[in-house]
PDB file of N, CA and C in Angstrom:
ATOM      1  N   UNK A   1      88.704  89.531  40.769  1.00  0.00           N
ATOM      2  CA  UNK A   1      88.089  90.404  41.887  1.00  0.00           C
ATOM      3  C   UNK A   1      86.719  90.842  41.310  1.00  0.00           C
ATOM      4  N   UNK A   2      85.899  90.698  42.416  1.00  0.00           N
ATOM      5  CA  UNK A   2      84.319  90.718  42.451  1.00  0.00           C
ATOM      6  C   UNK A   2      83.902  92.251  42.340  1.00  0.00           C
ATOM      7  N   UNK A   3      84.691  93.129  42.874  1.00  0.00           N
ATOM      8  CA  UNK A   3      84.446  94.299  43.200  1.00  0.00           C
ATOM      9  C   UNK A   3      83.524  94.533  44.037  1.00  0.00           C
ATOM     10  N   UNK A   4      83.287  93.590  45.291  1.00  0.00           N
ATOM     11  CA  UNK A   4      82.905  93.626  46.632  1.00  0.00           C
ATOM     12  C   UNK A   4      83.308  93.512  47.705  1.00  0.00           C
ATOM     13  N   UNK A   5      84.063  94.187  48.825  1.00  0.00           N
ATOM     14  CA  UNK A   5      85.044  93.442  50.080  1.00  0.00           C
ATOM     15  C   UNK A   5      83.691  92.977  50.690  1.00  0.00           C
ATOM     16  N   UNK A   6      84.515  91.907  51.226  1.00  0.00           N
ATOM     17  CA  UNK A   6      84.002  90.663  52.229  1.00  0.00           C
ATOM     18  C   UNK A   6      85.081  89.939  52.783  1.00  0.00           C
ATOM     19  N   UNK A   7      84.633  89.766  54.019  1.00  0.00           N
ATOM     20  CA  UNK A   7      86.125  89.343  55.141  1.00  0.00           C
ATOM     21  C   UNK A   7      86.829  88.028  54.761  1.00  0.00           C
ATOM     22  N   UNK A   8      86.458  87.288  53.142  1.00  0.00           N
ATOM     23  CA  UNK A   8      87.470  86.762  52.531  1.00  0.00           C
ATOM     24  C   UNK A   8      88.741  87.210  51.860  1.00  0.00           C
ATOM     25  N   UNK A   9      88.400  88.329  51.439  1.00  0.00           N
ATOM     26  CA  UNK A   9      89.190  89.433  50.925  1.00  0.00           C
ATOM     27  C   UNK A   9      89.974  89.536  51.970  1.00  0.00           C
ATOM     28  N   UNK A  10      90.147  90.079  52.978  1.00  0.00           N
ATOM     29  CA  UNK A  10      91.028  90.542  54.223  1.00  0.00           C
ATOM     30  C   UNK A  10      91.586  89.555  54.695  1.00  0.00           C
ATOM     31  N   UNK A  11      91.025  87.937  54.378  1.00  0.00           N
ATOM     32  CA  UNK A  11      91.502  86.799  55.127  1.00  0.00           C
ATOM     33  C   UNK A  11      92.406  86.492  54.423  1.00  0.00           C
ATOM     34  N   UNK A  12      92.561  86.796  52.818  1.00  0.00           N
ATOM     35  CA  UNK A  12      93.358  86.106  51.570  1.00  0.00           C
ATOM     36  C   UNK A  12      94.565  87.185  51.801  1.00  0.00           C
ATOM     37  N   UNK A  13      94.292  88.547  51.824  1.00  0.00           N
ATOM     38  CA  UNK A  13      95.099  89.184  51.790  1.00  0.00           C
ATOM     39  C   UNK A  13      96.139  88.986  52.973  1.00  0.00           C
ATOM     40  N   UNK A  14      95.820  89.033  54.198  1.00  0.00           N
ATOM     41  CA  UNK A  14      96.594  88.686  55.529  1.00  0.00           C
ATOM     42  C   UNK A  14      97.408  87.486  54.923  1.00  0.00           C
ATOM     43  N   UNK A  15      97.026  86.450  54.862  1.00  0.00           N
ATOM     44  CA  UNK A  15      98.011  85.549  54.076  1.00  0.00           C
ATOM     45  C   UNK A  15      98.565  85.910  53.048  1.00  0.00           C
ATOM     46  N   UNK A  16      97.973  86.677  52.226  1.00  0.00           N
ATOM     47  CA  UNK A  16      98.990  86.650  51.063  1.00  0.00           C
ATOM     48  C   UNK A  16      99.878  87.770  51.766  1.00  0.00           C
ATOM     49  N   UNK A  17      99.929  88.184  52.975  1.00  0.00           N
ATOM     50  CA  UNK A  17     101.033  89.190  52.981  1.00  0.00           C
ATOM     51  C   UNK A  17     102.176  88.579  54.177  1.00  0.00           C
ATOM     52  N   UNK A  18     101.469  87.184  54.798  1.00  0.00           N
ATOM     53  CA  UNK A  18     102.551  86.428  55.638  1.00  0.00           C
ATOM     54  C   UNK A  18     102.898  85.673  53.985  1.00  0.00           C
ATOM     55  N   UNK A  19     102.932  85.368  52.687  1.00  0.00           N
ATOM     56  CA  UNK A  19     103.287  84.286  51.963  1.00  0.00           C
ATOM     57  C   UNK A  19     104.690  85.661  51.371  1.00  0.00           C
ATOM     58  N   UNK A  20     104.445  86.991  51.135  1.00  0.00           N
ATOM     59  CA  UNK A  20     105.289  87.739  51.011  1.00  0.00           C
ATOM     60  C   UNK A  20     106.584  88.111  51.484  1.00  0.00           C
ATOM     61  N   UNK A  21     106.336  87.790  53.136  1.00  0.00           N
ATOM     62  CA  UNK A  21     107.381  88.356  53.743  1.00  0.00           C
ATOM     63  C   UNK A  21     106.884  89.737  55.008  1.00  0.00           C
ATOM     64  N   UNK A  22     105.808  90.345  55.108  1.00  0.00           N
ATOM     65  CA  UNK A  22     105.352  91.238  55.542  1.00  0.00           C
ATOM     66  C   UNK A  22     105.080  91.396  56.893  1.00  0.00           C
ATOM     67  N   UNK A  23     104.348  89.986  56.964  1.00  0.00           N
ATOM     68  CA  UNK A  23     104.248  89.779  58.377  1.00  0.00           C
ATOM     69  C   UNK A  23     104.294  88.111  58.609  1.00  0.00           C
ATOM     70  N   UNK A  24     104.375  88.023  59.986  1.00  0.00           N
ATOM     71  CA  UNK A  24     104.183  85.938  60.295  1.00  0.00           C
ATOM     72  C   UNK A  24     103.252  85.813  61.233  1.00  0.00           C
ATOM     73  N   UNK A  25     102.583  84.457  60.664  1.00  0.00           N
ATOM     74  CA  UNK A  25     101.488  84.504  61.550  1.00  0.00           C
ATOM     75  C   UNK A  25     101.620  82.788  62.038  1.00  0.00           C
ATOM     76  N   UNK A  26     101.401  83.618  63.524  1.00  0.00           N
ATOM     77  CA  UNK A  26     101.921  82.438  64.765  1.00  0.00           C
ATOM     78  C   UNK A  26     100.671  81.687  65.374  1.00  0.00           C
ATOM     79  N   UNK A  27     100.715  80.787  65.563  1.00  0.00           N
ATOM     80  CA  UNK A  27      99.335  80.115  65.938  1.00  0.00           C
ATOM     81  C   UNK A  27      99.496  79.991  67.491  1.00  0.00           C
ATOM     82  N   UNK A  28      98.596  80.078  68.431  1.00  0.00           N
ATOM     83  CA  UNK A  28      98.857  79.667  70.004  1.00  0.00           C
ATOM     84  C   UNK A  28      97.670  79.262  70.532  1.00  0.00           C
ATOM     85  N   UNK A  29      98.040  78.584  71.299  1.00  0.00           N
ATOM     86  CA  UNK A  29      96.867  77.837  72.258  1.00  0.00           C
ATOM     87  C   UNK A  29      96.624  78.390  73.543  1.00  0.00           C
ATOM     88  N   UNK A  30      95.773  77.718  74.353  1.00  0.00           N
ATOM     89  CA  UNK A  30      95.524  78.186  75.580  1.00  0.00           C
ATOM     90  C   UNK A  30      94.513  77.580  75.973  1.00  0.00           C
ATOM     91  N   UNK A  31      95.454  76.509  76.877  1.00  0.00           N
ATOM     92  CA  UNK A  31      94.186  75.855  77.977  1.00  0.00           C
ATOM     93  C   UNK A  31      93.656  76.261  78.875  1.00  0.00           C
ATOM     94  N   UNK A  32      91.817  75.584  78.868  1.00  0.00           N
ATOM     95  CA  UNK A  32      91.172  75.932  79.561  1.00  0.00           C
ATOM     96  C   UNK A  32      90.455  75.132  80.281  1.00  0.00           C
ATOM     97  N   UNK A  33      89.659  75.628  81.102  1.00  0.00           N
ATOM     98  CA  UNK A  33      89.626  74.287  82.215  1.00  0.00           C
ATOM     99  C   UNK A  33      88.427  73.226  81.359  1.00  0.00           C
ATOM    100  N   UNK A  34      87.580  73.448  80.594  1.00  0.00           N
ATOM    101  CA  UNK A  34      86.908  72.431  79.812  1.00  0.00           C
ATOM    102  C   UNK A  34      87.170  72.822  79.089  1.00  0.00           C
ATOM    103  N   UNK A  35      87.441  74.006  77.622  1.00  0.00           N
ATOM    104  CA  UNK A  35      87.847  73.808  76.221  1.00  0.00           C
ATOM    105  C   UNK A  35      89.289  74.738  76.484  1.00  0.00           C
ATOM    106  N   UNK A  36      90.029  74.274  75.225  1.00  0.00           N
ATOM    107  CA  UNK A  36      91.351  75.030  75.016  1.00  0.00           C
ATOM    108  C   UNK A  36      90.583  75.610  73.597  1.00  0.00           C
ATOM    109  N   UNK A  37      91.432  76.966  73.364  1.00  0.00           N
ATOM    110  CA  UNK A  37      91.381  77.915  72.642  1.00  0.00           C
ATOM    111  C   UNK A  37      92.378  78.116  71.587  1.00  0.00           C
ATOM    112  N   UNK A  38      92.283  78.525  70.680  1.00  0.00           N
ATOM    113  CA  UNK A  38      93.095  78.773  69.631  1.00  0.00           C
ATOM    114  C   UNK A  38      93.295  80.056  69.147  1.00  0.00           C
ATOM    115  N   UNK A  39      93.970  81.271  68.873  1.00  0.00           N
ATOM    116  CA  UNK A  39      94.620  82.211  68.468  1.00  0.00           C
ATOM    117  C   UNK A  39      95.456  82.689  67.209  1.00  0.00           C
ATOM    118  N   UNK A  40      95.671  83.203  67.090  1.00  0.00           N
ATOM    119  CA  UNK A  40      96.576  83.709  65.837  1.00  0.00           C
ATOM    120  C   UNK A  40      97.222  84.942  66.080  1.00  0.00           C
ATOM    121  N   UNK A  41      98.694  85.295  66.225  1.00  0.00           N
ATOM    122  CA  UNK A  41      99.348  85.992  66.671  1.00  0.00           C
ATOM    123  C   UNK A  41      99.718  86.634  65.409  1.00  0.00           C
ATOM    124  N   UNK A  42      99.555  88.104  64.431  1.00  0.00           N
ATOM    125  CA  UNK A  42     100.122  88.558  63.263  1.00  0.00           C
ATOM    126  C   UNK A  42     101.440  89.362  64.155  1.00  0.00           C
ATOM    127  N   UNK A  43     102.874  88.926  63.288  1.00  0.00           N
ATOM    128  CA  UNK A  43     103.672  90.071  64.127  1.00  0.00           C
ATOM    129  C   UNK A  43     104.431  90.600  62.467  1.00  0.00           C
ATOM    130  N   UNK A  44     104.647  91.737  62.480  1.00  0.00           N
ATOM    131  CA  UNK A  44     104.883  92.656  61.548  1.00  0.00           C
ATOM    132  C   UNK A  44     106.436  92.052  61.322  1.00  0.00           C
ATOM    133  N   UNK A  45     106.581  92.073  60.460  1.00  0.00           N
ATOM    134  CA  UNK A  45     108.162  91.538  59.800  1.00  0.00           C
ATOM    135  C   UNK A  45     109.051  93.117  58.842  1.00  0.00           C
ATOM    136  N   UNK A  46     108.186  92.970  58.415  1.00  0.00           N
ATOM    137  CA  UNK A  46     108.281  94.848  57.240  1.00  0.00           C
ATOM    138  C   UNK A  46     107.389  95.529  57.106  1.00  0.00           C
ATOM    139  N   UNK A  47     108.160  96.814  56.778  1.00  0.00           N
ATOM    140  CA  UNK A  47     107.194  97.908  56.737  1.00  0.00           C
ATOM    141  C   UNK A  47     106.535  97.528  55.276  1.00  0.00           C
ATOM    142  N   UNK A  48     105.387  98.288  55.133  1.00  0.00           N
ATOM    143  CA  UNK A  48     104.719  98.306  53.861  1.00  0.00           C
ATOM    144  C   UNK A  48     105.599  99.361  52.713  1.00  0.00           C
ATOM    145  N   UNK A  49     105.676  98.313  51.495  1.00  0.00           N
ATOM    146  CA  UNK A  49     106.977  99.794  50.645  1.00  0.00           C
ATOM    147  C   UNK A  49     105.690  99.627  49.267  1.00  0.00           C
ATOM    148  N   UNK A  50     106.519  99.873  48.388  1.00  0.00           N
ATOM    149  CA  UNK A  50     106.149 100.478  46.869  1.00  0.00           C
ATOM    150  C   UNK A  50     105.756  98.846  46.169  1.00  0.00           C
ATOM    151  N   UNK A  51     106.125  97.633  46.711  1.00  0.00           N
ATOM    152  CA  UNK A  51     105.602  96.734  46.246  1.00  0.00           C
ATOM    153  C   UNK A  51     104.387  96.187  46.257  1.00  0.00           C
ATOM    154  N   UNK A  52     103.512  96.732  47.514  1.00  0.00           N
ATOM    155  CA  UNK A  52     102.425  96.161  47.852  1.00  0.00           C
ATOM    156  C   UNK A  52     101.553  97.217  47.004  1.00  0.00           C
ATOM    157  N   UNK A  53     100.104  97.030  46.745  1.00  0.00           N
ATOM    158  CA  UNK A  53      99.037  97.511  46.678  1.00  0.00           C
ATOM    159  C   UNK A  53      98.178  98.417  47.673  1.00  0.00           C
ATOM    160  N   UNK A  54      97.582  98.904  46.762  1.00  0.00           N
ATOM    161  CA  UNK A  54      97.189 100.346  48.033  1.00  0.00           C
ATOM    162  C   UNK A  54      95.936  99.680  48.838  1.00  0.00           C
ATOM    163  N   UNK A  55      95.371  98.374  49.018  1.00  0.00           N
ATOM    164  CA  UNK A  55      94.769  98.365  49.773  1.00  0.00           C
ATOM    165  C   UNK A  55      95.542  96.833  50.373  1.00  0.00           C
ATOM    166  N   UNK A  56      96.640  96.163  49.979  1.00  0.00           N
ATOM    167  CA  UNK A  56      97.663  96.051  51.500  1.00  0.00           C
ATOM    168  C   UNK A  56      98.227  96.632  52.167  1.00  0.00           C
ATOM    169  N   UNK A  57      98.464  98.153  51.860  1.00  0.00           N
ATOM    170  CA  UNK A  57      99.112  98.766  52.618  1.00  0.00           C
ATOM    171  C   UNK A  57      98.432  99.501  53.334  1.00  0.00           C
ATOM    172  N   UNK A  58      96.958  99.687  53.051  1.00  0.00           N
ATOM    173  CA  UNK A  58      95.855 100.235  53.970  1.00  0.00           C
ATOM    174  C   UNK A  58      95.634  99.059  55.403  1.00  0.00           C
ATOM    175  N   UNK A  59      95.745  98.050  54.678  1.00  0.00           N
ATOM    176  CA  UNK A  59      95.848  96.836  55.469  1.00  0.00           C
ATOM    177  C   UNK A  59      96.671  96.576  56.651  1.00  0.00           C
ATOM    178  N   UNK A  60      97.755  97.070  55.878  1.00  0.00           N
ATOM    179  CA  UNK A  60      98.886  96.768  57.195  1.00  0.00           C
ATOM    180  C   UNK A  60      98.823  98.136  58.037  1.00  0.00           C
ATOM    181  N   UNK A  61      98.483  99.076  57.474  1.00  0.00           N
ATOM    182  CA  UNK A  61      98.159 100.279  58.356  1.00  0.00           C
ATOM    183  C   UNK A  61      97.352 100.201  59.300  1.00  0.00           C
ATOM    184  N   UNK A  62      96.525  99.019  58.821  1.00  0.00           N
ATOM    185  CA  UNK A  62      95.036  99.012  60.193  1.00  0.00           C
ATOM    186  C   UNK A  62      95.537  97.912  61.419  1.00  0.00           C
ATOM    187  N   UNK A  63      96.167  96.640  60.770  1.00  0.00           N
ATOM    188  CA  UNK A  63      96.801  95.945  61.506  1.00  0.00           C
ATOM    189  C   UNK A  63      97.363  96.427  62.688  1.00  0.00           C
ATOM    190  N   UNK A  64      98.564  97.016  62.429  1.00  0.00           N
ATOM    191  CA  UNK A  64      99.862  97.850  63.004  1.00  0.00           C
ATOM    192  C   UNK A  64      99.722  98.820  63.189  1.00  0.00           C
ATOM    193  N   UNK A  65      98.849  99.930  63.769  1.00  0.00           N
ATOM    194  CA  UNK A  65      98.753 101.299  63.794  1.00  0.00           C
ATOM    195  C   UNK A  65     100.238 101.883  64.719  1.00  0.00           C
ATOM    196  N   UNK A  66     100.717 102.461  64.124  1.00  0.00           N
ATOM    197  CA  UNK A  66     101.890 103.538  64.864  1.00  0.00           C
ATOM    198  C   UNK A  66     102.791 102.465  64.852  1.00  0.00           C
ATOM    199  N   UNK A  67     103.513 102.154  66.076  1.00  0.00           N
ATOM    200  CA  UNK A  67     105.024 101.266  66.080  1.00  0.00           C
ATOM    201  C   UNK A  67     104.672  99.875  66.378  1.00  0.00           C
ATOM    202  N   UNK A  68     102.967  99.581  66.447  1.00  0.00           N
ATOM    203  CA  UNK A  68     102.619  97.758  67.275  1.00  0.00           C
ATOM    204  C   UNK A  68     103.422  97.270  66.456  1.00  0.00           C
ATOM    205  N   UNK A  69     103.822  96.253  67.044  1.00  0.00           N
ATOM    206  CA  UNK A  69     104.951  94.756  66.643  1.00  0.00           C
ATOM    207  C   UNK A  69     103.699  93.472  66.104  1.00  0.00           C
ATOM    208  N   UNK A  70     102.866  93.740  66.988  1.00  0.00           N
ATOM    209  CA  UNK A  70     102.114  92.535  66.637  1.00  0.00           C
ATOM    210  C   UNK A  70     100.439  92.979  67.302  1.00  0.00           C
ATOM    211  N   UNK A  71      99.699  91.548  66.648  1.00  0.00           N
ATOM    212  CA  UNK A  71      98.287  91.809  66.917  1.00  0.00           C
ATOM    213  C   UNK A  71      97.899  90.685  67.341  1.00  0.00           C
ATOM    214  N   UNK A  72      96.976  89.774  68.515  1.00  0.00           N
ATOM    215  CA  UNK A  72      96.708  88.795  68.203  1.00  0.00           C
ATOM    216  C   UNK A  72      94.934  89.056  67.788  1.00  0.00           C
ATOM    217  N   UNK A  73      94.802  88.429  66.677  1.00  0.00           N
ATOM    218  CA  UNK A  73      93.472  88.141  65.640  1.00  0.00           C
ATOM    219  C   UNK A  73      91.934  88.678  66.684  1.00  0.00           C
ATOM    220  N   UNK A  74      92.096  87.557  67.882  1.00  0.00           N
ATOM    221  CA  UNK A  74      91.505  87.834  69.091  1.00  0.00           C
ATOM    222  C   UNK A  74      91.045  89.237  69.153  1.00  0.00           C
ATOM    223  N   UNK A  75      91.685  89.976  69.369  1.00  0.00           N
ATOM    224  CA  UNK A  75      91.596  91.508  70.042  1.00  0.00           C
ATOM    225  C   UNK A  75      91.101  92.258  68.809  1.00  0.00           C
ATOM    226  N   UNK A  76      90.678  92.030  67.478  1.00  0.00           N
ATOM    227  CA  UNK A  76      90.566  92.443  66.314  1.00  0.00           C
ATOM    228  C   UNK A  76      88.943  92.701  66.320  1.00  0.00           C
ATOM    229  N   UNK A  77      88.338  91.523  66.956  1.00  0.00           N
ATOM    230  CA  UNK A  77      87.055  91.249  66.767  1.00  0.00           C
ATOM    231  C   UNK A  77      86.152  92.421  67.178  1.00  0.00           C
ATOM    232  N   UNK A  78      84.998  93.089  66.607  1.00  0.00           N
ATOM    233  CA  UNK A  78      83.786  94.155  66.693  1.00  0.00           C
ATOM    234  C   UNK A  78      85.107  95.069  66.430  1.00  0.00           C
ATOM    235  N   UNK A  79      86.159  95.300  66.291  1.00  0.00           N
ATOM    236  CA  UNK A  79      86.635  96.638  66.301  1.00  0.00           C
ATOM    237  C   UNK A  79      88.136  96.918  64.701  1.00  0.00           C
ATOM    238  N   UNK A  80      88.213  95.752  64.666  1.00  0.00           N
ATOM    239  CA  UNK A  80      88.855  95.904  63.555  1.00  0.00           C
ATOM    240  C   UNK A  80      88.527  96.490  61.646  1.00  0.00           C
ATOM    241  N   UNK A  81      86.842  95.626  61.482  1.00  0.00           N
ATOM    242  CA  UNK A  81      86.383  96.009  60.396  1.00  0.00           C
ATOM    243  C   UNK A  81      85.811  97.337  60.122  1.00  0.00           C
ATOM    244  N   UNK A  82      85.569  98.535  61.240  1.00  0.00           N
ATOM    245  CA  UNK A  82      84.982  99.951  61.128  1.00  0.00           C
ATOM    246  C   UNK A  82      86.558 100.379  60.612  1.00  0.00           C
ATOM    247  N   UNK A  83      88.123  99.844  61.067  1.00  0.00           N
ATOM    248  CA  UNK A  83      88.987 100.735  60.057  1.00  0.00           C
ATOM    249  C   UNK A  83      89.161 100.506  58.760  1.00  0.00           C
ATOM    250  N   UNK A  84      88.192  99.636  58.184  1.00  0.00           N
ATOM    251  CA  UNK A  84      88.831  99.384  57.087  1.00  0.00           C
ATOM    252  C   UNK A  84      87.093  99.469  56.115  1.00  0.00           C
ATOM    253  N   UNK A  85      87.265 100.221  55.204  1.00  0.00           N
ATOM    254  CA  UNK A  85      86.141 101.162  54.287  1.00  0.00           C
ATOM    255  C   UNK A  85      86.289 100.274  52.964  1.00  0.00           C
ATOM    256  N   UNK A  86      85.437  99.953  52.404  1.00  0.00           N
ATOM    257  CA  UNK A  86      85.846  99.683  50.932  1.00  0.00           C
ATOM    258  C   UNK A  86      85.846 100.868  49.956  1.00  0.00           C
TER     259      UNK A  86
END
């Protein structure tokens, strides 16, 4: 750990939560007139528990506030980072 908070830390933690079975990452493709777009849907599969670090728990809370079962990564743009403070 480099003691700095940056986007790759969040990205790698999201992938790690997927590996641990706390969420599922689903790729979605949308066809457009000129360009196709790819997005990712993060679906919560387990609630945070004692096995997670404090940062992982906070990330889960920020990704899935309340009873939200999932979120598209594109919907997190320009607002998600404001929920995570180093």
